[in-house]
């Protein structure tokens, strides 16, 4: 991608019992204004990185409301007093609340300092899941992973909506954009969409009924067995 990207992305892998999450700190190169995507588990690791970078946290953006993506929201509000963004549909469906909360709708644009963020509503894993598109990055939460896609059998989940969200990402997001999901199951975050479209079976299924049957199949070895 031949553009002058005005931010840096820093990956923060945090682990709590069986949870292994990726949070992302995005820092504007000029202003040092920063946002964090889905802060999880390790408050010290995240805040130490913010201070090390000389950044100041202005915003938290949340892909969805599951506890492993939002559990550090309140401690970070207490420390930095940032704005918190989540889709309006997610807020209303699950009753998520915190201080400084701002509701987003599909295709809203927010500015974090000089960094522009396009908000894409992508339900499927949850009722109001949202991905965030920046100049050369998409932060996808549990909608899509490098290896597969999020489960659709939790409250508010829908395999039909997941299919539609993946098709929408294929249509809207340029192929050289790098994808940063909430979890990794073998591949490091930051793979291009072009790579994911070639390697991720859920991006290769173009018939909705087959996608639903495959995503909801009961004979898979584990929840995160994406291909068999």
Protein backbone atom coordinates (compact mmCIF):
# COMPACT_ATOMS: atom_id res chain seq x y z
CA UNK A 1 0.00 0.00 0.00
CA UNK A 2 1.69 3.18 -1.20
CA UNK A 3 0.37 5.64 1.38
CA UNK A 4 1.92 7.65 4.16
CA UNK A 5 0.54 5.94 7.24
CA UNK A 6 0.43 8.39 10.13
CA UNK A 7 0.33 5.90 13.00
CA UNK A 8 2.12 2.90 14.45
CA UNK A 9 0.41 -0.27 15.67
CA UNK A 10 1.70 -2.04 18.78
CA UNK A 11 0.50 -5.56 19.58
CA UNK A 12 -0.09 -6.47 23.21
CA UNK A 13 -0.63 -10.18 23.90
CA UNK A 14 -2.16 -10.80 27.32
CA UNK A 15 -3.01 -14.14 28.92
CA UNK A 16 -5.42 -15.03 31.71
CA UNK A 17 -6.00 -18.71 32.47
CA UNK A 18 -7.28 -20.16 29.15
CA UNK A 19 -7.71 -16.75 27.51
CA UNK A 20 -5.06 -15.37 25.18
CA UNK A 21 -6.03 -11.99 23.76
CA UNK A 22 -4.53 -9.35 21.54
CA UNK A 23 -5.06 -5.72 22.37
CA UNK A 24 -3.68 -3.01 20.09
CA UNK A 25 -2.28 0.40 20.88
CA UNK A 26 -2.37 2.76 17.90
CA UNK A 27 -0.19 5.85 18.27
CA UNK A 28 -0.26 8.85 15.96
CA UNK A 29 3.32 9.51 14.83
CA UNK A 30 3.01 13.29 15.05
CA UNK A 31 0.76 14.05 18.00
CA UNK A 32 1.33 10.89 20.11
CA UNK A 33 -2.44 10.72 20.63
CA UNK A 34 -3.29 7.05 21.03
CA UNK A 35 -6.19 4.67 21.13
CA UNK A 36 -6.41 1.11 22.36
CA UNK A 37 -8.53 -1.65 20.86
CA UNK A 38 -10.13 -4.18 23.25
CA UNK A 39 -7.96 -3.76 26.37
CA UNK A 40 -7.72 -7.09 28.18
CA UNK A 41 -6.30 -8.72 31.31
CA UNK A 42 -2.88 -7.16 31.99
CA UNK A 43 -3.26 -3.54 33.09
CA UNK A 44 0.42 -3.05 33.93
CA UNK A 45 1.65 -4.46 30.63
CA UNK A 46 -0.64 -2.11 28.71
CA UNK A 47 0.02 1.03 30.75
CA UNK A 48 3.77 0.41 30.82
CA UNK A 49 3.71 0.28 27.01
CA UNK A 50 1.73 3.51 26.76
CA UNK A 51 4.22 5.31 29.02
CA UNK A 52 7.21 3.75 27.23
CA UNK A 53 5.89 5.10 23.92
CA UNK A 54 5.44 8.59 25.33
CA UNK A 55 1.83 8.41 24.19
CA UNK A 56 -1.32 9.73 25.80
CA UNK A 57 -4.47 7.63 25.67
CA UNK A 58 -7.44 9.54 24.30
CA UNK A 59 -9.76 6.70 23.28
CA UNK A 60 -10.74 3.09 23.77
CA UNK A 61 -12.49 1.37 20.87
CA UNK A 62 -14.33 -1.87 21.54
CA UNK A 63 -15.17 -4.46 18.91
CA UNK A 64 -17.77 -6.11 21.16
CA UNK A 65 -18.79 -6.47 24.78
CA UNK A 66 -17.46 -9.90 25.81
CA UNK A 67 -15.54 -9.71 29.08
CA UNK A 68 -12.20 -10.74 27.56
CA UNK A 69 -12.34 -7.63 25.36
CA UNK A 70 -13.59 -5.04 27.85
CA UNK A 71 -12.33 -6.02 31.30
CA UNK A 72 -9.75 -3.22 31.51
CA UNK A 73 -12.06 -0.44 30.34
CA UNK A 74 -12.87 0.89 33.82
CA UNK A 75 -9.28 0.81 35.14
CA UNK A 76 -8.08 2.67 32.03
CA UNK A 77 -10.86 5.25 32.42
CA UNK A 78 -9.76 5.81 36.00
CA UNK A 79 -6.13 6.23 34.92
CA UNK A 80 -6.47 8.24 31.68
CA UNK A 81 -10.14 9.36 31.37
CA UNK A 82 -10.40 8.42 27.64
CA UNK A 83 -13.51 8.30 25.51
CA UNK A 84 -14.92 4.80 24.99
CA UNK A 85 -16.50 3.75 21.68
CA UNK A 86 -18.77 0.79 20.95
CA UNK A 87 -21.54 0.15 18.45
CA UNK A 88 -24.95 1.39 19.56
CA UNK A 89 -26.49 -1.96 18.69
CA UNK A 90 -24.01 -3.78 20.95
CA UNK A 91 -24.57 -1.31 23.80
CA UNK A 92 -28.34 -1.64 23.66
CA UNK A 93 -28.51 -5.41 23.11
CA UNK A 94 -26.21 -6.37 25.97
CA UNK A 95 -26.67 -3.37 28.25
CA UNK A 96 -22.99 -2.43 28.29
CA UNK A 97 -22.29 0.64 30.41
CA UNK A 98 -19.25 2.63 31.46
CA UNK A 99 -18.27 6.25 31.92
CA UNK A 100 -17.38 8.31 28.81
CA UNK A 101 -19.27 5.88 26.54
CA UNK A 102 -20.07 6.99 22.97
CA UNK A 103 -22.35 4.97 20.70
CA UNK A 104 -21.36 4.32 17.08
CA UNK A 105 -23.39 3.42 14.03
CA UNK A 106 -22.36 1.72 10.82
CA UNK A 107 -20.02 3.81 8.66
CA UNK A 108 -19.44 6.42 11.35
CA UNK A 109 -16.04 8.08 11.27
CA UNK A 110 -14.11 9.10 14.34
CA UNK A 111 -10.88 11.06 14.61
CA UNK A 112 -8.28 10.10 17.20
CA UNK A 113 -5.97 13.06 16.96
CA UNK A 114 -4.97 12.99 13.28
CA UNK A 115 -5.81 9.29 12.90
CA UNK A 116 -9.05 8.58 11.01
CA UNK A 117 -11.15 5.53 11.88
CA UNK A 118 -14.04 4.11 9.83
CA UNK A 119 -16.50 2.02 11.87
CA UNK A 120 -17.98 -1.05 10.16
CA UNK A 121 -20.89 -2.90 11.77
CA UNK A 122 -20.12 -6.62 11.48
CA UNK A 123 -22.57 -8.72 13.53
CA UNK A 124 -22.28 -12.48 13.71
CA UNK A 125 -20.18 -13.25 16.75
CA UNK A 126 -22.33 -10.82 18.73
CA UNK A 127 -25.41 -8.80 17.82
CA UNK A 128 -23.52 -5.55 17.33
CA UNK A 129 -19.92 -6.46 16.64
CA UNK A 130 -17.87 -3.74 14.96
CA UNK A 131 -14.59 -3.64 13.03
CA UNK A 132 -12.42 -0.54 12.77
CA UNK A 133 -10.73 0.38 9.49
CA UNK A 134 -7.70 2.67 9.46
CA UNK A 135 -5.32 3.59 6.63
CA UNK A 136 -3.69 0.18 6.33
CA UNK A 137 -5.23 -1.80 9.19
CA UNK A 138 -8.49 -3.48 10.15
CA UNK A 139 -9.14 -4.35 13.79
CA UNK A 140 -11.61 -7.21 13.67
CA UNK A 141 -12.12 -8.44 17.23
CA UNK A 142 -13.78 -11.86 17.09
CA UNK A 143 -15.47 -11.33 13.73
CA UNK A 144 -12.59 -12.72 11.71
CA UNK A 145 -9.30 -14.34 12.63
CA UNK A 146 -6.40 -15.14 10.33
CA UNK A 147 -7.43 -18.80 10.55
CA UNK A 148 -11.24 -18.66 10.78
CA UNK A 149 -14.10 -16.63 12.23
CA UNK A 150 -15.76 -16.18 15.60
CA UNK A 151 -18.26 -18.61 17.06
CA UNK A 152 -21.88 -17.77 16.35
CA UNK A 153 -23.73 -19.67 19.07
CA UNK A 154 -23.44 -17.17 21.93
CA UNK A 155 -26.34 -14.88 22.84
CA UNK A 156 -26.94 -12.52 19.91
CA UNK A 157 -24.68 -14.49 17.57
CA UNK A 158 -25.79 -15.50 14.09
CA UNK A 159 -24.03 -17.58 11.44
CA UNK A 160 -26.18 -15.91 8.79
CA UNK A 161 -25.02 -12.47 9.90
CA UNK A 162 -21.43 -13.71 10.12
CA UNK A 163 -21.61 -14.78 6.48
CA UNK A 164 -22.95 -11.36 5.51
CA UNK A 165 -20.29 -9.57 7.55
CA UNK A 166 -17.49 -11.54 5.89
CA UNK A 167 -18.91 -10.84 2.45
CA UNK A 168 -19.08 -7.17 3.35
CA UNK A 169 -15.46 -7.11 4.49
CA UNK A 170 -14.43 -8.75 1.23
CA UNK A 171 -16.31 -6.03 -0.67
CA UNK A 172 -15.30 -2.94 1.33
CA UNK A 173 -11.79 -3.62 2.63
CA UNK A 174 -8.82 -3.41 0.22
CA UNK A 175 -6.89 -6.67 -0.15
CA UNK A 176 -3.59 -5.22 1.11
CA UNK A 177 -5.06 -4.06 4.40
CA UNK A 178 -3.56 -5.89 7.40
CA UNK A 179 -5.99 -7.67 9.71
CA UNK A 180 -5.56 -7.49 13.47
CA UNK A 181 -7.96 -9.88 15.27
CA UNK A 182 -8.63 -10.34 18.96
CA UNK A 183 -7.04 -13.80 19.07
CA UNK A 184 -4.48 -15.88 17.20
CA UNK A 185 -4.80 -19.61 16.50
CA UNK A 186 -1.48 -20.18 14.77
CA UNK A 187 -0.84 -17.13 12.60
CA UNK A 188 0.47 -13.84 13.95
CA UNK A 189 -1.90 -10.88 13.67
CA UNK A 190 -1.17 -8.53 10.81
CA UNK A 191 -1.76 -10.87 7.86
CA UNK A 192 -3.08 -9.13 4.75
CA UNK A 193 -6.69 -9.60 3.71
CA UNK A 194 -5.35 -11.05 0.46
CA UNK A 195 -3.59 -13.78 2.45
CA UNK A 196 -6.66 -14.45 4.57
CA UNK A 197 -8.89 -14.73 1.51
CA UNK A 198 -6.58 -17.46 0.18
CA UNK A 199 -6.01 -19.34 3.45
CA UNK A 200 -9.18 -18.84 5.50
CA UNK A 201 -11.89 -21.30 4.47
CA UNK A 202 -14.70 -18.99 5.63
CA UNK A 203 -13.68 -16.42 3.04
CA UNK A 204 -13.92 -19.05 0.30
CA UNK A 205 -17.52 -20.08 0.96
CA UNK A 206 -19.86 -17.99 -1.19
CA UNK A 207 -23.13 -19.82 -0.54
CA UNK A 208 -24.89 -18.67 2.62
CA UNK A 209 -26.63 -21.97 3.43
CA UNK A 210 -23.36 -23.91 3.14
CA UNK A 211 -21.56 -21.34 5.29
CA UNK A 212 -24.20 -21.63 8.02
CA UNK A 213 -24.12 -25.42 8.00
CA UNK A 214 -20.31 -25.48 8.08
CA UNK A 215 -19.90 -22.83 10.80
CA UNK A 216 -22.54 -24.50 13.02
CA UNK A 217 -21.45 -28.11 12.40
CA UNK A 218 -21.42 -30.29 15.50
CA UNK A 219 -18.71 -32.79 14.56
CA UNK A 220 -15.71 -30.45 14.76
CA UNK A 221 -12.92 -31.52 17.12
CA UNK A 222 -12.98 -28.26 19.09
CA UNK A 223 -14.52 -24.80 19.08
CA UNK A 224 -11.47 -23.47 17.27
CA UNK A 225 -11.11 -26.27 14.77
CA UNK A 226 -11.93 -24.08 11.79
CA UNK A 227 -11.42 -26.38 8.82
CA UNK A 228 -12.65 -29.89 9.71
